[in-house]
Amino acid sequence: MCQMAAFFPGYVSPPNGTCGKKGVPCKETFGSEWTYTGKCCNERPCCKSFKSPCVPETTCPTGFRLLPDQTSSAHCYSYNGNRTLWEEAQSICASTPGAYLWRPNTLQETFAIFHEFLKDAPYVWTGANDRDKDGNFTFITDNGPFSIYSVPFGDGVSGFTPDEIYVMIRYDIHTKVWIWVAKNSFFQLSYICEYQRITCSTVNVEFCSLVTPLCKNIIIARRGQ
C-alpha cells in the first residue's frame, strides 16, 4: 500500500492506495475510476479507486438473456418486436442502466442474434446514428465511429436525404448478405437492446513499499468483451 514515512522529504501522506506509474495519471494506468491522492515512493502517484470493489455480474438484467452459444458474444440481449422510432427505442434500452441499442460487432454474433430473435423479422435498428447531422455516424454505446461506406461486414446503403441519420440492419435471405441502411426519423422498426455484464480483471501492479516495490494482484472492474 502507499504508506509514507514522515522522514521522506517532499512527500505528502496520502491515504492507502496503489502505486501508479511515474509521470502517468492514475486514470491512464488503472482506469477512469481511479484518482490521484498524493505521492508514493520513487515519485510515483498514489492512486485510489473511488468505486466500490469489483463484483462480477453472472446474470442478465430483468428481461435480458444470454445467447445459447456465448462464443459469439457473452453480452445480454432483449428483443422487442414492436415497431418503434429509433429515438424511442434507444430511450427504452437506456431505461435499463448500462443498456443501449444493439451494436453488431461481428458476423458470428449477428447470425447468433438472427437465429435467436430474428428468424421471422430479420431487420432491426442498430445503435449507429448521426443525431448531430454532421455527416459523422457513431455508435450510441461508446461514440465509436461508423461508416455506411465501410461497414463491419455485409453491405452498406447510404441515405438519400439529410434526415436519414439512423441505421438499421437487415438480412437478405436471397443473397444471404447483411445490409446496413440509413433511415429517417419517421421510420419505425423492431429493435434489440444490448447489455455488457461487468467482469473483473486481475492485473499486476506495484504497491509502494518503504524498502522495495512489491508486485501484487488487484482486481479492477470493466465491462466484458
Protein backbone atom coordinates (compact mmCIF):
# COMPACT_ATOMS: atom_id res chain seq x y z
CA MET A 1 0.00 0.00 0.00
CA CYS A 2 1.10 3.61 -0.39
CA GLN A 3 2.32 4.18 3.16
CA MET A 4 4.50 7.26 3.58
CA ALA A 5 7.03 7.99 6.33
CA ALA A 6 7.39 11.48 7.77
CA PHE A 7 11.17 11.39 7.27
CA PHE A 8 10.77 11.17 3.49
CA PRO A 9 11.21 14.80 2.41
CA GLY A 10 8.96 16.18 -0.33
CA TYR A 11 6.21 13.58 0.13
CA VAL A 12 2.69 14.06 1.34
CA SER A 13 0.87 11.45 3.40
CA PRO A 14 -1.91 10.14 1.17
CA PRO A 15 -4.41 7.55 2.32
CA ASN A 16 -3.63 3.95 1.48
CA GLY A 17 -3.80 3.27 -2.23
CA THR A 18 -1.87 1.75 -5.11
CA CYS A 19 1.37 2.99 -6.58
CA GLY A 20 0.95 4.11 -10.18
CA LYS A 21 3.49 4.84 -12.89
CA LYS A 22 5.82 7.80 -12.67
CA GLY A 23 4.62 10.68 -14.84
CA VAL A 24 1.38 8.93 -15.82
CA PRO A 25 -2.03 9.99 -14.42
CA CYS A 26 -3.80 7.40 -12.28
CA LYS A 27 -6.75 7.13 -14.65
CA GLU A 28 -4.45 6.32 -17.59
CA THR A 29 -2.84 3.49 -15.63
CA PHE A 30 -5.82 1.89 -13.93
CA GLY A 31 -8.96 3.38 -15.49
CA SER A 32 -11.27 6.38 -15.24
CA GLU A 33 -12.48 5.45 -11.75
CA TRP A 34 -9.00 5.96 -10.24
CA THR A 35 -7.86 9.28 -8.78
CA TYR A 36 -4.61 10.83 -7.56
CA THR A 37 -4.26 11.20 -3.77
CA GLY A 38 -0.60 12.12 -3.34
CA LYS A 39 2.87 10.68 -3.89
CA CYS A 40 4.30 7.22 -3.34
CA CYS A 41 7.95 6.24 -3.20
CA ASN A 42 10.17 6.97 -6.21
CA GLU A 43 7.92 9.89 -7.27
CA ARG A 44 5.06 7.60 -8.29
CA PRO A 45 1.49 8.82 -7.83
CA CYS A 46 -0.56 7.20 -5.10
CA CYS A 47 -3.78 6.10 -6.80
CA LYS A 48 -7.05 5.11 -5.24
CA SER A 49 -10.26 3.79 -6.75
CA PHE A 50 -13.38 5.72 -5.81
CA LYS A 51 -15.64 2.91 -6.99
CA SER A 52 -16.85 0.02 -4.90
CA PRO A 53 -14.92 -3.27 -5.12
CA CYS A 54 -15.49 -5.22 -8.29
CA VAL A 55 -18.45 -7.56 -8.16
CA PRO A 56 -18.75 -9.58 -11.39
CA GLU A 57 -22.19 -9.99 -12.90
CA THR A 58 -23.16 -13.58 -13.55
CA THR A 59 -26.75 -12.92 -14.63
CA CYS A 60 -28.53 -10.57 -17.02
CA PRO A 61 -30.87 -7.70 -16.09
CA THR A 62 -34.58 -8.48 -15.97
CA GLY A 63 -35.92 -9.02 -19.49
CA PHE A 64 -32.48 -9.75 -20.97
CA ARG A 65 -30.93 -13.12 -21.75
CA LEU A 66 -27.70 -14.64 -22.96
CA LEU A 67 -27.23 -16.24 -26.35
CA PRO A 68 -27.21 -20.05 -26.32
CA ASP A 69 -23.72 -20.01 -27.85
CA GLN A 70 -21.69 -17.47 -25.89
CA THR A 71 -18.58 -17.94 -28.00
CA SER A 72 -20.05 -15.34 -30.37
CA SER A 73 -20.90 -12.92 -27.57
CA ALA A 74 -21.21 -13.06 -23.79
CA HIS A 75 -23.44 -9.97 -23.69
CA CYS A 76 -27.10 -9.91 -22.68
CA TYR A 77 -29.85 -9.10 -25.20
CA SER A 78 -33.51 -8.16 -25.15
CA TYR A 79 -35.67 -8.21 -28.30
CA ASN A 80 -38.75 -6.04 -28.77
CA GLY A 81 -40.87 -6.79 -31.85
CA ASN A 82 -42.91 -3.58 -31.64
CA ARG A 83 -42.15 -1.22 -34.50
CA THR A 84 -40.67 1.87 -32.86
CA LEU A 85 -38.91 5.13 -33.75
CA TRP A 86 -35.13 4.99 -33.27
CA GLU A 87 -35.07 7.64 -30.53
CA GLU A 88 -37.83 5.90 -28.59
CA ALA A 89 -36.13 2.54 -28.96
CA GLN A 90 -32.84 3.92 -27.62
CA SER A 91 -34.69 5.57 -24.73
CA ILE A 92 -36.35 2.26 -23.81
CA CYS A 93 -33.00 0.44 -23.94
CA ALA A 94 -31.33 3.11 -21.79
CA SER A 95 -34.05 2.75 -19.14
CA THR A 96 -32.02 -0.30 -18.08
CA PRO A 97 -28.79 1.27 -16.76
CA GLY A 98 -25.87 0.22 -18.95
CA ALA A 99 -28.04 -0.97 -21.87
CA TYR A 100 -28.16 0.52 -25.37
CA LEU A 101 -29.37 -0.19 -28.89
CA TRP A 102 -27.57 -3.19 -30.33
CA ARG A 103 -24.13 -2.74 -31.81
CA PRO A 104 -23.50 -5.60 -34.30
CA ASN A 105 -19.79 -6.30 -33.95
CA THR A 106 -19.13 -9.50 -35.86
CA LEU A 107 -20.81 -11.68 -38.43
CA GLN A 108 -20.78 -14.57 -35.97
CA GLU A 109 -22.60 -12.53 -33.32
CA THR A 110 -25.13 -11.22 -35.85
CA PHE A 111 -26.06 -14.69 -37.09
CA ALA A 112 -26.40 -15.84 -33.48
CA ILE A 113 -28.81 -12.93 -32.91
CA PHE A 114 -30.66 -13.85 -36.11
CA HIS A 115 -31.20 -17.45 -35.04
CA GLU A 116 -32.23 -16.44 -31.52
CA PHE A 117 -34.52 -13.47 -32.26
CA LEU A 118 -34.92 -12.51 -35.92
CA LYS A 119 -35.96 -15.53 -37.97
CA ASP A 120 -39.44 -14.10 -38.59
CA ALA A 121 -38.42 -10.44 -38.97
CA PRO A 122 -34.74 -10.14 -39.96
CA TYR A 123 -34.47 -6.35 -39.70
CA VAL A 124 -33.89 -4.16 -36.64
CA TRP A 125 -32.42 -0.85 -35.54
CA THR A 126 -28.75 -0.65 -34.63
CA GLY A 127 -27.14 1.93 -32.36
CA ALA A 128 -25.37 3.61 -35.29
CA ASN A 129 -26.59 7.16 -35.89
CA ASP A 130 -25.77 10.71 -36.94
CA ARG A 131 -28.01 12.55 -34.50
CA ASP A 132 -25.87 15.69 -34.81
CA LYS A 133 -26.34 15.66 -38.60
CA ASP A 134 -22.68 16.50 -39.14
CA GLY A 135 -22.04 13.62 -41.53
CA ASN A 136 -20.21 11.56 -38.92
CA PHE A 137 -22.01 8.39 -37.83
CA THR A 138 -21.17 6.88 -34.44
CA PHE A 139 -22.43 4.05 -32.22
CA ILE A 140 -24.55 5.15 -29.28
CA THR A 141 -22.80 2.80 -26.86
CA ASP A 142 -19.28 4.30 -26.91
CA ASN A 143 -19.29 7.02 -29.56
CA GLY A 144 -17.20 4.69 -31.72
CA PRO A 145 -17.04 5.66 -35.40
CA PHE A 146 -19.25 4.05 -38.04
CA SER A 147 -19.25 4.49 -41.80
CA ILE A 148 -22.06 3.33 -44.07
CA TYR A 149 -19.40 3.08 -46.80
CA SER A 150 -17.16 0.77 -44.75
CA VAL A 151 -19.43 -1.40 -42.64
CA PRO A 152 -18.03 -4.08 -40.28
CA PHE A 153 -19.48 -6.79 -42.56
CA GLY A 154 -22.06 -7.08 -45.31
CA ASP A 155 -23.07 -4.10 -47.48
CA GLY A 156 -23.98 -0.50 -46.69
CA VAL A 157 -26.67 1.67 -48.29
CA SER A 158 -26.41 5.41 -47.66
CA GLY A 159 -29.41 7.68 -47.23
CA PHE A 160 -30.76 9.91 -49.96
CA THR A 161 -31.87 12.80 -47.73
CA PRO A 162 -30.14 14.65 -44.85
CA ASP A 163 -32.70 13.26 -42.40
CA GLU A 164 -31.65 9.64 -42.93
CA ILE A 165 -29.49 9.53 -39.83
CA TYR A 166 -30.46 6.28 -38.10
CA VAL A 167 -29.04 2.93 -39.20
CA MET A 168 -30.90 -0.34 -39.40
CA ILE A 169 -29.58 -3.76 -40.37
CA ARG A 170 -31.45 -6.43 -42.30
CA TYR A 171 -30.70 -9.87 -43.64
CA ASP A 172 -31.35 -10.52 -47.32
CA ILE A 173 -32.48 -14.14 -47.39
CA HIS A 174 -31.92 -14.34 -51.16
CA THR A 175 -28.34 -13.06 -51.29
CA LYS A 176 -27.60 -14.16 -47.71
CA VAL A 177 -25.95 -10.81 -47.02
CA TRP A 178 -26.47 -8.41 -44.12
CA ILE A 179 -27.29 -4.89 -45.31
CA TRP A 180 -26.90 -1.71 -43.27
CA VAL A 181 -29.34 1.04 -44.33
CA ALA A 182 -29.72 4.65 -43.15
CA LYS A 183 -33.33 5.62 -42.38
CA ASN A 184 -35.13 8.82 -41.39
CA SER A 185 -36.61 9.85 -38.05
CA PHE A 186 -40.13 8.73 -39.03
CA PHE A 187 -39.17 5.15 -39.83
CA GLN A 188 -40.21 2.51 -37.31
CA LEU A 189 -38.61 -0.87 -36.68
CA SER A 190 -38.32 -3.55 -34.04
CA TYR A 191 -35.13 -3.40 -32.02
CA ILE A 192 -32.68 -5.21 -29.76
CA CYS A 193 -31.23 -3.82 -26.55
CA GLU A 194 -27.73 -4.95 -25.58
CA TYR A 195 -26.11 -5.05 -22.16
CA GLN A 196 -22.47 -5.79 -21.31
CA ARG A 197 -22.09 -7.58 -18.00
CA ILE A 198 -19.40 -6.38 -15.59
CA THR A 199 -16.45 -8.72 -15.35
CA CYS A 200 -13.38 -8.46 -13.14
CA SER A 201 -9.84 -8.44 -14.45
CA THR A 202 -6.78 -9.40 -12.44
CA VAL A 203 -3.77 -7.24 -13.26
CA ASN A 204 -0.25 -6.90 -11.84
CA VAL A 205 0.52 -3.51 -10.31
CA GLU A 206 3.23 -2.20 -7.99
CA PHE A 207 2.39 -1.48 -4.38
CA CYS A 208 4.63 1.12 -2.78
CA SER A 209 6.93 -0.28 -0.10
CA LEU A 210 9.31 1.58 2.16
CA VAL A 211 12.01 -0.94 1.25
CA THR A 212 11.38 -2.33 -2.23
CA PRO A 213 8.33 -2.23 -4.55
CA LEU A 214 6.30 -5.42 -4.31
CA CYS A 215 4.13 -6.66 -7.16
CA LYS A 216 0.71 -7.90 -6.13
CA ASN A 217 -2.54 -8.59 -7.93
CA ILE A 218 -5.53 -6.28 -7.70
CA ILE A 219 -8.98 -6.66 -9.18
CA ILE A 220 -10.48 -3.95 -11.36
CA ALA A 221 -13.94 -3.78 -12.87
CA ARG A 222 -14.63 -3.49 -16.56
CA ARG A 223 -17.40 -4.18 -18.99
CA GLY A 224 -16.92 -7.59 -20.62
CA GLN A 225 -15.96 -8.05 -24.25
